[in-house]
Each structure stands twice: as structure tokens, then as C-alpha cells.
Amino acid sequence: MEAPVEPDDAVPESNGTASSETFQEKMARRYEVRNEEARAKLEPLEEGERPGAVTAGAIVSAVLAIIFTVSAGLAIAGVDAGGRDIKPLPIITFGIVLWGMTIGMWRARYWAVLGFQTVLLLVMLASAFGLVVVSSVLQAVGTTLLLAGSGTLFYFMIRAMARIQMPSSPGAD
């Protein structure tokens, strides 16, 4: 029976001998230490507290929900949309989802913040792809501002999500 062979990517220890820890394991351990330090710096939310980024997200979500609600009302009323037939059901559905996210974010619920970040991600992707086909300077400026605004809000909501903490699964207690 042969002796086990050390992996080729073994990292030498400071005293010159080879360690059995691979580069990936060493990096994973380093990042876990960094993650633990970052978690230790986070302060849990007080009862009724809501991070500023989540409040801003709730306001943006409310404005979008109002726009979709009015649009659904106009579609039901049969307002002319440039000769196109607009179906109100998808608009109503998305409006209801946005109202749900608005209420959830106002109450600092993890699921609502995660859902709104998904919407922000879709907006960022659409605006990034939209920059490829802009036809005027004004359109390019508007699309860039949309990309920058949604990206900034997305970034600041990440730390807020860490403070909110995902609820524990049923039976985890």
C-alpha cells in the first residue's frame, strides 16, 4: 500500500514544510474569518427600527406601485395607448406585488427586501442592455441615471438585509 500523495497545490508553511491545506481551503478559512468579523460589527435592529436604505426602497416601491395602479386603472378604462391593446391583468398583478413589497419593506421584512432587490437587479440589467441601443443623449443620460440609482440602492440594501436577518425556518427552535 502506497503512502498518500500530497496535492500539487499544497501551500508551504512558514517553517518550510508543506501543509496539507489546499489553496482553496486556506482562502475559504480566511474569508470565513473576515465574514465573522463583519457579522460581529453588525448591530441587530431594535424593535420597530428600519434601516435608511430599506425606507428609501419602500418609498421607491410605493411610487412604482402607485404608477402601476394608475396604469391598470387607465388600461381598464380603455384609454388609448397608441393603438395598442393593453391587457390590465399583468399590470394589476405586478402592482399588487409592488404594494406587498412596499408594506413588507416598511415593516422591515427580509422577504420584501429580497424581492425588491430582485426587481432592482432586473432594472439594472434592463438599463445596462438599454444603454446599447440608446438613440439620443437624453436617453443615454436617463438610462445611466437609472442604472446608477438602482445600483446604489441595491448596494446599500445588502447591509440592511444582513441587519434584518432572515427568519428561522419552522421547527428550528
N, C-alpha and C. Protein backbone atom coordinates (compact mmCIF):
# COMPACT_ATOMS: atom_id res chain seq x y z
N MET A 1 0.85 -1.18 0.00
CA MET A 1 0.00 0.00 0.00
C MET A 1 0.88 1.23 0.00
N GLU A 2 0.57 2.19 -0.89
CA GLU A 2 1.40 3.39 -1.02
C GLU A 2 0.95 4.46 -0.04
N ALA A 3 1.89 5.32 0.29
CA ALA A 3 1.59 6.45 1.17
C ALA A 3 0.78 7.48 0.40
N PRO A 4 -0.15 8.20 1.07
CA PRO A 4 -0.93 9.22 0.36
C PRO A 4 -0.03 10.31 -0.20
N VAL A 5 -0.37 10.77 -1.39
CA VAL A 5 0.43 11.79 -2.06
C VAL A 5 -0.14 13.16 -1.73
N GLU A 6 0.75 14.12 -1.41
CA GLU A 6 0.34 15.50 -1.12
C GLU A 6 -0.17 16.13 -2.41
N PRO A 7 -1.21 16.95 -2.35
CA PRO A 7 -1.67 17.63 -3.57
C PRO A 7 -0.62 18.60 -4.09
N ASP A 8 -0.65 18.82 -5.43
CA ASP A 8 0.34 19.70 -6.05
C ASP A 8 0.24 21.13 -5.57
N ASP A 9 -0.96 21.56 -5.18
CA ASP A 9 -1.13 22.96 -4.78
C ASP A 9 -1.05 23.12 -3.26
N ALA A 10 -0.32 22.24 -2.59
CA ALA A 10 -0.16 22.39 -1.14
C ALA A 10 0.64 23.66 -0.86
N VAL A 11 0.25 24.37 0.16
CA VAL A 11 0.87 25.64 0.50
C VAL A 11 1.94 25.38 1.55
N PRO A 12 3.19 25.80 1.30
CA PRO A 12 4.22 25.59 2.31
C PRO A 12 3.97 26.45 3.53
N GLU A 13 4.19 25.88 4.70
CA GLU A 13 4.05 26.65 5.93
C GLU A 13 5.25 27.55 6.11
N SER A 14 5.20 28.44 7.08
CA SER A 14 6.27 29.41 7.28
C SER A 14 7.59 28.75 7.67
N ASN A 15 7.56 27.54 8.24
CA ASN A 15 8.81 26.89 8.63
C ASN A 15 9.40 26.05 7.50
N GLY A 16 8.79 26.11 6.29
CA GLY A 16 9.36 25.44 5.13
C GLY A 16 8.74 24.10 4.83
N THR A 17 7.98 23.50 5.74
CA THR A 17 7.35 22.21 5.47
C THR A 17 6.03 22.43 4.74
N ALA A 18 5.61 21.43 3.98
CA ALA A 18 4.37 21.55 3.22
C ALA A 18 3.17 21.27 4.12
N SER A 19 2.11 22.05 3.91
CA SER A 19 0.87 21.86 4.66
C SER A 19 -0.08 21.04 3.80
N SER A 20 -0.98 20.29 4.43
CA SER A 20 -1.95 19.50 3.67
C SER A 20 -3.16 20.36 3.28
N GLU A 21 -3.17 21.62 3.71
CA GLU A 21 -4.28 22.52 3.39
C GLU A 21 -4.09 23.09 1.98
N THR A 22 -5.12 22.95 1.14
CA THR A 22 -5.03 23.45 -0.23
C THR A 22 -5.25 24.96 -0.24
N PHE A 23 -4.94 25.55 -1.38
CA PHE A 23 -5.12 27.00 -1.54
C PHE A 23 -6.58 27.38 -1.33
N GLN A 24 -7.50 26.59 -1.90
CA GLN A 24 -8.92 26.89 -1.76
C GLN A 24 -9.36 26.83 -0.30
N GLU A 25 -8.88 25.83 0.43
CA GLU A 25 -9.23 25.70 1.85
C GLU A 25 -8.69 26.87 2.66
N LYS A 26 -7.47 27.29 2.33
CA LYS A 26 -6.86 28.42 3.04
C LYS A 26 -7.64 29.71 2.78
N MET A 27 -8.02 29.93 1.51
CA MET A 27 -8.79 31.13 1.18
C MET A 27 -10.17 31.09 1.81
N ALA A 28 -10.80 29.91 1.83
CA ALA A 28 -12.12 29.77 2.45
C ALA A 28 -12.04 30.09 3.94
N ARG A 29 -10.98 29.63 4.59
CA ARG A 29 -10.80 29.90 6.02
C ARG A 29 -10.59 31.41 6.24
N ARG A 30 -9.79 32.05 5.40
CA ARG A 30 -9.57 33.49 5.52
C ARG A 30 -10.86 34.28 5.36
N TYR A 31 -11.65 33.92 4.33
CA TYR A 31 -12.90 34.64 4.10
C TYR A 31 -13.91 34.39 5.21
N GLU A 32 -13.89 33.20 5.78
CA GLU A 32 -14.81 32.93 6.89
C GLU A 32 -14.44 33.78 8.11
N VAL A 33 -13.14 33.98 8.32
CA VAL A 33 -12.70 34.85 9.42
C VAL A 33 -13.18 36.28 9.15
N ARG A 34 -13.02 36.75 7.91
CA ARG A 34 -13.49 38.10 7.55
C ARG A 34 -15.00 38.22 7.72
N ASN A 35 -15.72 37.18 7.31
CA ASN A 35 -17.18 37.20 7.45
C ASN A 35 -17.58 37.26 8.92
N GLU A 36 -16.91 36.50 9.76
CA GLU A 36 -17.21 36.52 11.20
C GLU A 36 -16.96 37.91 11.78
N GLU A 37 -15.87 38.56 11.37
CA GLU A 37 -15.58 39.92 11.84
C GLU A 37 -16.66 40.89 11.39
N ALA A 38 -17.09 40.76 10.13
CA ALA A 38 -18.14 41.64 9.62
C ALA A 38 -19.45 41.42 10.36
N ARG A 39 -19.79 40.15 10.64
CA ARG A 39 -21.02 39.85 11.39
C ARG A 39 -20.96 40.41 12.80
N ALA A 40 -19.77 40.37 13.41
CA ALA A 40 -19.63 40.87 14.78
C ALA A 40 -19.85 42.39 14.84
N LYS A 41 -19.52 43.10 13.76
CA LYS A 41 -19.70 44.55 13.72
C LYS A 41 -21.15 44.97 13.51
N LEU A 42 -21.97 44.06 12.96
CA LEU A 42 -23.37 44.40 12.70
C LEU A 42 -24.16 44.47 13.99
N GLU A 43 -25.00 45.49 14.08
CA GLU A 43 -25.88 45.62 15.23
C GLU A 43 -27.28 45.20 14.80
N PRO A 44 -27.91 44.31 15.57
CA PRO A 44 -29.28 43.92 15.19
C PRO A 44 -30.24 45.10 15.28
N LEU A 45 -31.30 45.03 14.52
CA LEU A 45 -32.29 46.10 14.53
C LEU A 45 -33.03 46.11 15.86
N GLU A 46 -33.30 47.30 16.34
CA GLU A 46 -34.16 47.46 17.52
C GLU A 46 -35.60 47.22 17.09
N GLU A 47 -36.47 46.96 18.04
CA GLU A 47 -37.89 46.77 17.74
C GLU A 47 -38.45 48.01 17.04
N GLY A 48 -39.02 47.83 15.87
CA GLY A 48 -39.60 48.94 15.12
C GLY A 48 -38.60 49.75 14.30
N GLU A 49 -37.31 49.42 14.37
CA GLU A 49 -36.30 50.16 13.61
C GLU A 49 -36.29 49.67 12.16
N ARG A 50 -36.00 50.60 11.25
CA ARG A 50 -35.94 50.29 9.83
C ARG A 50 -34.72 51.01 9.26
N PRO A 51 -33.80 50.29 8.61
CA PRO A 51 -32.63 50.95 8.01
C PRO A 51 -33.03 51.97 6.96
N GLY A 52 -32.20 52.98 6.77
CA GLY A 52 -32.49 54.05 5.82
C GLY A 52 -32.63 53.54 4.39
N ALA A 53 -31.80 52.58 3.98
CA ALA A 53 -31.89 52.05 2.62
C ALA A 53 -33.22 51.32 2.41
N VAL A 54 -33.70 50.65 3.44
CA VAL A 54 -34.98 49.95 3.32
C VAL A 54 -36.13 50.96 3.25
N THR A 55 -36.02 52.05 4.01
CA THR A 55 -37.03 53.12 3.93
C THR A 55 -37.05 53.72 2.53
N ALA A 56 -35.87 54.00 1.97
CA ALA A 56 -35.79 54.53 0.61
C ALA A 56 -36.37 53.54 -0.39
N GLY A 57 -36.07 52.26 -0.20
CA GLY A 57 -36.63 51.23 -1.08
C GLY A 57 -38.14 51.16 -0.97
N ALA A 58 -38.67 51.31 0.24
CA ALA A 58 -40.13 51.28 0.43
C ALA A 58 -40.78 52.47 -0.27
N ILE A 59 -40.14 53.61 -0.22
CA ILE A 59 -40.68 54.80 -0.90
C ILE A 59 -40.66 54.62 -2.41
N VAL A 60 -39.54 54.12 -2.94
CA VAL A 60 -39.45 53.86 -4.39
C VAL A 60 -40.49 52.83 -4.80
N SER A 61 -40.63 51.78 -4.00
CA SER A 61 -41.62 50.75 -4.29
C SER A 61 -43.04 51.31 -4.27
N ALA A 62 -43.32 52.20 -3.32
CA ALA A 62 -44.65 52.82 -3.24
C ALA A 62 -44.93 53.68 -4.47
N VAL A 63 -43.93 54.44 -4.91
CA VAL A 63 -44.11 55.27 -6.11
C VAL A 63 -44.38 54.38 -7.32
N LEU A 64 -43.61 53.30 -7.46
CA LEU A 64 -43.84 52.37 -8.57
C LEU A 64 -45.21 51.72 -8.47
N ALA A 65 -45.62 51.35 -7.25
CA ALA A 65 -46.93 50.73 -7.06
C ALA A 65 -48.05 51.69 -7.45
N ILE A 66 -47.88 52.96 -7.10
CA ILE A 66 -48.88 53.98 -7.49
C ILE A 66 -48.95 54.10 -9.01
N ILE A 67 -47.79 54.13 -9.66
CA ILE A 67 -47.75 54.23 -11.12
C ILE A 67 -48.44 53.02 -11.75
N PHE A 68 -48.18 51.83 -11.25
CA PHE A 68 -48.81 50.63 -11.81
C PHE A 68 -50.30 50.60 -11.52
N THR A 69 -50.71 51.08 -10.36
CA THR A 69 -52.14 51.12 -10.03
C THR A 69 -52.88 52.07 -10.97
N VAL A 70 -52.32 53.25 -11.19
CA VAL A 70 -52.94 54.22 -12.10
C VAL A 70 -52.94 53.66 -13.53
N SER A 71 -51.84 53.03 -13.93
CA SER A 71 -51.77 52.45 -15.27
C SER A 71 -52.82 51.35 -15.45
N ALA A 72 -53.02 50.54 -14.42
CA ALA A 72 -54.04 49.49 -14.50
C ALA A 72 -55.43 50.11 -14.63
N GLY A 73 -55.66 51.17 -13.86
CA GLY A 73 -56.96 51.86 -13.95
C GLY A 73 -57.19 52.44 -15.33
N LEU A 74 -56.16 53.01 -15.91
CA LEU A 74 -56.28 53.56 -17.27
C LEU A 74 -56.50 52.45 -18.30
N ALA A 75 -55.83 51.32 -18.10
CA ALA A 75 -56.00 50.20 -19.03
C ALA A 75 -57.41 49.63 -18.94
N ILE A 76 -57.95 49.56 -17.72
CA ILE A 76 -59.33 49.07 -17.56
C ILE A 76 -60.33 50.04 -18.18
N ALA A 77 -60.04 51.35 -18.03
CA ALA A 77 -60.93 52.37 -18.58
C ALA A 77 -60.86 52.42 -20.10
N GLY A 78 -59.88 51.78 -20.70
CA GLY A 78 -59.78 51.74 -22.16
C GLY A 78 -59.14 52.97 -22.77
N VAL A 79 -58.29 53.66 -22.02
CA VAL A 79 -57.59 54.83 -22.56
C VAL A 79 -56.71 54.40 -23.72
N ASP A 80 -56.67 55.21 -24.77
CA ASP A 80 -55.89 54.90 -25.96
C ASP A 80 -54.41 54.86 -25.61
N ALA A 81 -53.76 53.76 -26.02
CA ALA A 81 -52.33 53.58 -25.78
C ALA A 81 -51.59 53.48 -27.09
N GLY A 82 -51.80 54.45 -27.95
CA GLY A 82 -51.12 54.47 -29.24
C GLY A 82 -51.60 53.37 -30.17
N GLY A 83 -52.84 52.98 -30.03
CA GLY A 83 -53.38 51.95 -30.91
C GLY A 83 -53.10 50.53 -30.46
N ARG A 84 -52.41 50.36 -29.35
CA ARG A 84 -52.10 49.01 -28.86
C ARG A 84 -53.17 48.55 -27.87
N ASP A 85 -53.40 47.25 -27.87
CA ASP A 85 -54.34 46.65 -26.92
C ASP A 85 -53.58 46.31 -25.64
N ILE A 86 -53.89 47.00 -24.56
CA ILE A 86 -53.20 46.79 -23.29
C ILE A 86 -54.06 45.90 -22.41
N LYS A 87 -53.48 44.80 -21.94
CA LYS A 87 -54.17 43.89 -21.03
C LYS A 87 -53.89 44.33 -19.59
N PRO A 88 -54.92 44.61 -18.81
CA PRO A 88 -54.71 45.13 -17.45
C PRO A 88 -54.26 44.09 -16.43
N LEU A 89 -54.51 42.79 -16.66
CA LEU A 89 -54.20 41.78 -15.65
C LEU A 89 -52.72 41.74 -15.25
N PRO A 90 -51.76 41.75 -16.19
CA PRO A 90 -50.35 41.76 -15.78
C PRO A 90 -49.98 43.03 -15.00
N ILE A 91 -50.56 44.14 -15.39
CA ILE A 91 -50.27 45.40 -14.70
C ILE A 91 -50.82 45.35 -13.27
N ILE A 92 -52.04 44.84 -13.14
CA ILE A 92 -52.64 44.70 -11.81
C ILE A 92 -51.82 43.75 -10.94
N THR A 93 -51.41 42.63 -11.51
CA THR A 93 -50.62 41.64 -10.76
C THR A 93 -49.32 42.24 -10.25
N PHE A 94 -48.59 42.91 -11.12
CA PHE A 94 -47.32 43.50 -10.70
C PHE A 94 -47.55 44.63 -9.70
N GLY A 95 -48.63 45.37 -9.86
CA GLY A 95 -48.97 46.41 -8.89
C GLY A 95 -49.23 45.84 -7.50
N ILE A 96 -49.95 44.72 -7.45
CA ILE A 96 -50.22 44.06 -6.16
C ILE A 96 -48.92 43.58 -5.52
N VAL A 97 -48.04 43.01 -6.35
CA VAL A 97 -46.74 42.55 -5.83
C VAL A 97 -45.95 43.74 -5.27
N LEU A 98 -45.94 44.86 -5.99
CA LEU A 98 -45.23 46.04 -5.51
C LEU A 98 -45.84 46.59 -4.22
N TRP A 99 -47.17 46.59 -4.10
CA TRP A 99 -47.80 47.03 -2.85
C TRP A 99 -47.40 46.11 -1.70
N GLY A 100 -47.35 44.80 -1.97
CA GLY A 100 -46.91 43.85 -0.94
C GLY A 100 -45.48 44.11 -0.50
N MET A 101 -44.59 44.36 -1.47
CA MET A 101 -43.20 44.66 -1.12
C MET A 101 -43.09 45.97 -0.36
N THR A 102 -43.89 46.95 -0.74
CA THR A 102 -43.87 48.25 -0.04
C THR A 102 -44.23 48.06 1.43
N ILE A 103 -45.32 47.36 1.69
CA ILE A 103 -45.75 47.12 3.07
C ILE A 103 -44.72 46.29 3.82
N GLY A 104 -44.20 45.25 3.16
CA GLY A 104 -43.18 44.41 3.80
C GLY A 104 -41.90 45.17 4.12
N MET A 105 -41.46 46.02 3.22
CA MET A 105 -40.23 46.80 3.50
C MET A 105 -40.49 47.84 4.58
N TRP A 106 -41.69 48.40 4.60
CA TRP A 106 -41.99 49.37 5.65
C TRP A 106 -41.94 48.71 7.02
N ARG A 107 -42.25 47.42 7.06
CA ARG A 107 -42.18 46.66 8.31
C ARG A 107 -40.84 45.96 8.48
N ALA A 108 -39.89 46.23 7.58
CA ALA A 108 -38.52 45.68 7.61
C ALA A 108 -38.54 44.16 7.59
N ARG A 109 -39.22 43.60 6.59
CA ARG A 109 -39.27 42.15 6.42
C ARG A 109 -38.23 41.73 5.39
N TYR A 110 -37.51 40.67 5.73
CA TYR A 110 -36.42 40.18 4.90
C TYR A 110 -36.90 39.82 3.49
N TRP A 111 -38.01 39.10 3.40
CA TRP A 111 -38.52 38.63 2.11
C TRP A 111 -38.85 39.80 1.20
N ALA A 112 -39.36 40.89 1.76
CA ALA A 112 -39.72 42.05 0.94
C ALA A 112 -38.47 42.74 0.39
N VAL A 113 -37.46 42.85 1.23
CA VAL A 113 -36.20 43.47 0.78
C VAL A 113 -35.56 42.61 -0.30
N LEU A 114 -35.57 41.31 -0.09
CA LEU A 114 -35.00 40.39 -1.09
C LEU A 114 -35.77 40.47 -2.41
N GLY A 115 -37.09 40.53 -2.33
CA GLY A 115 -37.90 40.67 -3.54
C GLY A 115 -37.64 41.97 -4.26
N PHE A 116 -37.52 43.06 -3.50
CA PHE A 116 -37.26 44.35 -4.13
C PHE A 116 -35.86 44.39 -4.74
N GLN A 117 -34.91 43.71 -4.11
CA GLN A 117 -33.58 43.64 -4.71
C GLN A 117 -33.62 42.88 -6.04
N THR A 118 -34.50 41.90 -6.14
CA THR A 118 -34.67 41.19 -7.41
C THR A 118 -35.20 42.15 -8.48
N VAL A 119 -36.17 42.97 -8.09
CA VAL A 119 -36.69 43.98 -9.04
C VAL A 119 -35.58 44.95 -9.43
N LEU A 120 -34.79 45.40 -8.45
CA LEU A 120 -33.68 46.31 -8.76
C LEU A 120 -32.68 45.66 -9.70
N LEU A 121 -32.40 44.39 -9.51
CA LEU A 121 -31.47 43.67 -10.38
C LEU A 121 -32.00 43.64 -11.81
N LEU A 122 -33.29 43.38 -11.96
CA LEU A 122 -33.89 43.37 -13.30
C LEU A 122 -33.83 44.76 -13.94
N VAL A 123 -34.05 45.81 -13.14
CA VAL A 123 -33.95 47.18 -13.65
C VAL A 123 -32.51 47.48 -14.08
N MET A 124 -31.53 47.04 -13.27
CA MET A 124 -30.13 47.27 -13.63
C MET A 124 -29.77 46.56 -14.93
N LEU A 125 -30.22 45.31 -15.08
CA LEU A 125 -29.94 44.57 -16.32
C LEU A 125 -30.60 45.23 -17.52
N ALA A 126 -31.86 45.62 -17.37
CA ALA A 126 -32.58 46.25 -18.48
C ALA A 126 -31.93 47.58 -18.86
N SER A 127 -31.52 48.37 -17.87
CA SER A 127 -30.92 49.67 -18.20
C SER A 127 -29.51 49.48 -18.79
N ALA A 128 -28.78 48.48 -18.33
CA ALA A 128 -27.45 48.22 -18.91
C ALA A 128 -27.59 47.80 -20.36
N PHE A 129 -28.53 46.89 -20.64
CA PHE A 129 -28.76 46.50 -22.03
C PHE A 129 -29.35 47.64 -22.83
N GLY A 130 -30.14 48.49 -22.18
CA GLY A 130 -30.73 49.64 -22.85
C GLY A 130 -29.69 50.66 -23.30
N LEU A 131 -28.58 50.72 -22.58
CA LEU A 131 -27.51 51.64 -22.98
C LEU A 131 -26.92 51.28 -24.35
N VAL A 132 -27.06 50.03 -24.73
CA VAL A 132 -26.50 49.58 -26.01
C VAL A 132 -27.28 50.16 -27.18
N VAL A 133 -28.56 50.43 -26.99
CA VAL A 133 -29.40 50.84 -28.11
C VAL A 133 -29.95 52.26 -27.97
N VAL A 134 -29.33 53.10 -27.15
CA VAL A 134 -29.83 54.47 -27.00
C VAL A 134 -29.71 55.21 -28.33
N SER A 135 -30.65 56.15 -28.55
CA SER A 135 -30.64 56.88 -29.81
C SER A 135 -30.47 58.38 -29.61
N SER A 136 -30.37 58.83 -28.35
CA SER A 136 -30.15 60.25 -28.11
C SER A 136 -29.34 60.43 -26.82
N VAL A 137 -28.80 61.60 -26.67
CA VAL A 137 -28.01 61.90 -25.47
C VAL A 137 -28.91 61.91 -24.24
N LEU A 138 -30.10 62.46 -24.38
CA LEU A 138 -31.04 62.50 -23.26
C LEU A 138 -31.41 61.08 -22.81
N GLN A 139 -31.63 60.21 -23.75
CA GLN A 139 -31.95 58.82 -23.42
C GLN A 139 -30.76 58.14 -22.74
N ALA A 140 -29.54 58.43 -23.19
CA ALA A 140 -28.35 57.86 -22.58
C ALA A 140 -28.18 58.36 -21.15
N VAL A 141 -28.41 59.64 -20.91
CA VAL A 141 -28.28 60.21 -19.57
C VAL A 141 -29.33 59.61 -18.64
N GLY A 142 -30.58 59.52 -19.11
CA GLY A 142 -31.65 58.96 -18.29
C GLY A 142 -31.40 57.49 -17.95
N THR A 143 -30.96 56.72 -18.92
CA THR A 143 -30.69 55.30 -18.69
C THR A 143 -29.51 55.12 -17.74
N THR A 144 -28.49 55.95 -17.89
CA THR A 144 -27.34 55.88 -16.99
C THR A 144 -27.73 56.25 -15.57
N LEU A 145 -28.57 57.28 -15.41
CA LEU A 145 -29.04 57.66 -14.07
C LEU A 145 -29.88 56.54 -13.44
N LEU A 146 -30.71 55.89 -14.25
CA LEU A 146 -31.50 54.76 -13.75
C LEU A 146 -30.60 53.62 -13.30
N LEU A 147 -29.58 53.33 -14.08
CA LEU A 147 -28.62 52.27 -13.72
C LEU A 147 -27.86 52.63 -12.45
N ALA A 148 -27.39 53.86 -12.36
CA ALA A 148 -26.63 54.29 -11.17
C ALA A 148 -27.52 54.32 -9.92
N GLY A 149 -28.73 54.81 -10.06
CA GLY A 149 -29.63 54.89 -8.90
C GLY A 149 -30.03 53.52 -8.40
N SER A 150 -30.42 52.63 -9.30
CA SER A 150 -30.83 51.29 -8.87
C SER A 150 -29.64 50.51 -8.32
N GLY A 151 -28.47 50.69 -8.90
CA GLY A 151 -27.28 50.01 -8.39
C GLY A 151 -26.88 50.49 -7.01
N THR A 152 -26.97 51.79 -6.78
CA THR A 152 -26.64 52.35 -5.47
C THR A 152 -27.61 51.85 -4.41
N LEU A 153 -28.90 51.88 -4.70
CA LEU A 153 -29.89 51.39 -3.74
C LEU A 153 -29.69 49.91 -3.47
N PHE A 154 -29.40 49.14 -4.51
CA PHE A 154 -29.13 47.71 -4.35
C PHE A 154 -27.96 47.49 -3.40
N TYR A 155 -26.88 48.23 -3.60
CA TYR A 155 -25.68 48.09 -2.78
C TYR A 155 -25.97 48.36 -1.30
N PHE A 156 -26.67 49.46 -1.02
CA PHE A 156 -26.92 49.81 0.37
C PHE A 156 -27.94 48.90 1.04
N MET A 157 -28.79 48.25 0.25
CA MET A 157 -29.76 47.34 0.84
C MET A 157 -29.12 46.02 1.27
N ILE A 158 -27.95 45.69 0.77
CA ILE A 158 -27.28 44.45 1.14
C ILE A 158 -26.96 44.45 2.64
N ARG A 159 -26.37 45.52 3.14
CA ARG A 159 -26.03 45.59 4.56
C ARG A 159 -27.30 45.63 5.41
N ALA A 160 -28.33 46.30 4.91
CA ALA A 160 -29.60 46.34 5.64
C ALA A 160 -30.18 44.94 5.76
N MET A 161 -30.06 44.14 4.72
CA MET A 161 -30.56 42.76 4.78
C MET A 161 -29.82 41.95 5.83
N ALA A 162 -28.53 42.20 5.96
CA ALA A 162 -27.75 41.48 6.97
C ALA A 162 -28.24 41.85 8.37
N ARG A 163 -28.65 43.09 8.55
CA ARG A 163 -29.14 43.51 9.87
C ARG A 163 -30.54 42.97 10.14
N ILE A 164 -31.35 42.86 9.11
CA ILE A 164 -32.71 42.36 9.30
C ILE A 164 -32.67 40.88 9.69
N GLN A 165 -31.79 40.12 9.08
CA GLN A 165 -31.62 38.69 9.31
C GLN A 165 -32.82 37.92 8.80
N MET A 166 -32.53 36.86 8.10
CA MET A 166 -33.59 36.00 7.59
C MET A 166 -34.25 35.27 8.75
N PRO A 167 -35.57 35.16 8.72
CA PRO A 167 -36.24 34.47 9.81
C PRO A 167 -35.86 32.99 9.83
N SER A 168 -35.89 32.40 11.00
CA SER A 168 -35.52 30.99 11.12
C SER A 168 -36.64 30.12 10.54
N SER A 169 -36.25 28.97 10.05
CA SER A 169 -37.23 28.07 9.45
C SER A 169 -38.08 27.43 10.54
N PRO A 170 -39.30 27.00 10.19
CA PRO A 170 -40.16 26.37 11.20
C PRO A 170 -39.50 25.14 11.80
N GLY A 171 -39.59 25.01 13.10
CA GLY A 171 -39.02 23.86 13.80
C GLY A 171 -37.55 24.00 14.11
N ALA A 172 -36.95 25.16 13.77
CA ALA A 172 -35.52 25.36 14.04
C ALA A 172 -35.24 25.68 15.51
N ASP A 173 -36.29 26.03 16.26
CA ASP A 173 -36.09 26.41 17.65
C ASP A 173 -35.74 25.26 18.52
